[in-house]
Each structure stands twice: as C-alpha cells, then as structure tokens.
Amino acid sequence: MATELYQFRVSYTHNSQFAENIIYMVGENLSAGDVIHNANDLISNWMNNAHTPLLNLLPTTVYIDRYTAKRQDVAGGIDVIKQFDWQGEQGADSGPASSMQVCPIVRLIPPMGTKSAGRFFLPAIAEASIEANTPSGTWLSSLSTLMSILLAGMNDGAITWTIAVYSRKNNSYQKALDYDTSPIVGWQSRRRRPV
C-alpha cells in the first residue's frame, strides 16, 4: 500500500470575507493510483473526526464553506470537494470574533533535522475566548482536542491520515510530531513578495 501527501483546504467565510487554510496530510495504506477514492476518504475522515473540534474553535461569525482534498502533485491533481449549505456550518465558540485579522497561530513541530516547520492561522477567535490578549484555557483545551486527533492520525477504515509539514522549497514532507501556539493572539497581514 502507498503512502502519499495530500493537500486539504478548509474554506471559510468570516463577516462576508473569504479565508482559507491549507493543511497537509500524509495518507498511509492508500489505494495506489486511486486519487479520487483517497481524497474522498480524507474528507470523510475529517468530517467524522476533526470537523466538530474545528467548529468548536471558531467564533459564530465564521462559517466553513467547503473542504477540498487532492494529492500534492507537481502536475496539479484532481480536487475532490465537499460543499456545505450557505452558512450551514457555523463556528460554535460563542460570540463574535475579535478584531479583523487577529488570528491564533498553530505551529507544527517536525522531527529533528527537518529544516522547516509548518504553521497555519485560524481565521478568527471569539472575543470571549481571549483573556488579556491571551487565548483562554477553554479555547486552548479545544485546540488540544483538534491537534491530538490530527497528530495521532484519523482512521475510519484502511487509510490513516496524519498532519504533516510540507516544504515547497525542498519538495519534501515529514509528519508533524507536536504543535504549539503563540501565548498571545497575533495579527496576520497578507504575504508580500519583494518587487
């Protein structure tokens, strides 16, 4: 059975603004060559294991619009999409989001010797989940629940999906071993490339 890297995208709407996370997942015991089956399995595993824990981290002003999975491939790959009803998947952390672009960061810790770590910003955090510019203990516990699932691996059948760190520069990946988060809530701006 094959082991490959898949790209998993979570698309959100926050106060009518689009946001997206790209999370890399390693699939083990994949159906060799059947990328559509494997991508569907990833979405199914996410829905059964990580969907609710992710919603528990998001304020009520954030909605998950869709999940997209595809094999990470130089040639592009085939997108498999799970589209939700408009505003059907609402964040469950009570209250509105804090200021726009104030986002908690999750850093992924790779094995020793790996030159790059991974990270992703959640689209927002509820005002009620911030105490003195620090995520509350309840919110951190919810994050721990989600990350424990992703680090341990999701398996509803033959395929096991584990969160990974992907390096575009080196075109390589490693399973993430652990995670951490910033002790304070940060501000995210757009990535800028030098002109």
Foldseek 3Di string as FASTA:
>chain_A
DDKAKKWKKWWKAAQNDIDIDIFIKIKPPDDPPPFQVVQVVVVVLCVVAQLLLLLQFDEQRMFTAKMWMATDDPVDGDIDMDGDDVSPGGRDPYAHFDDFQQWKKKWFAFDPPDPDTDMDTDRTGHPVQADPQFGHPVSVVSVVRNQVDQQVFGDPDRMTIHTWDADPVVRDIGGGNDIDIDRGTHGDDDDDDDD
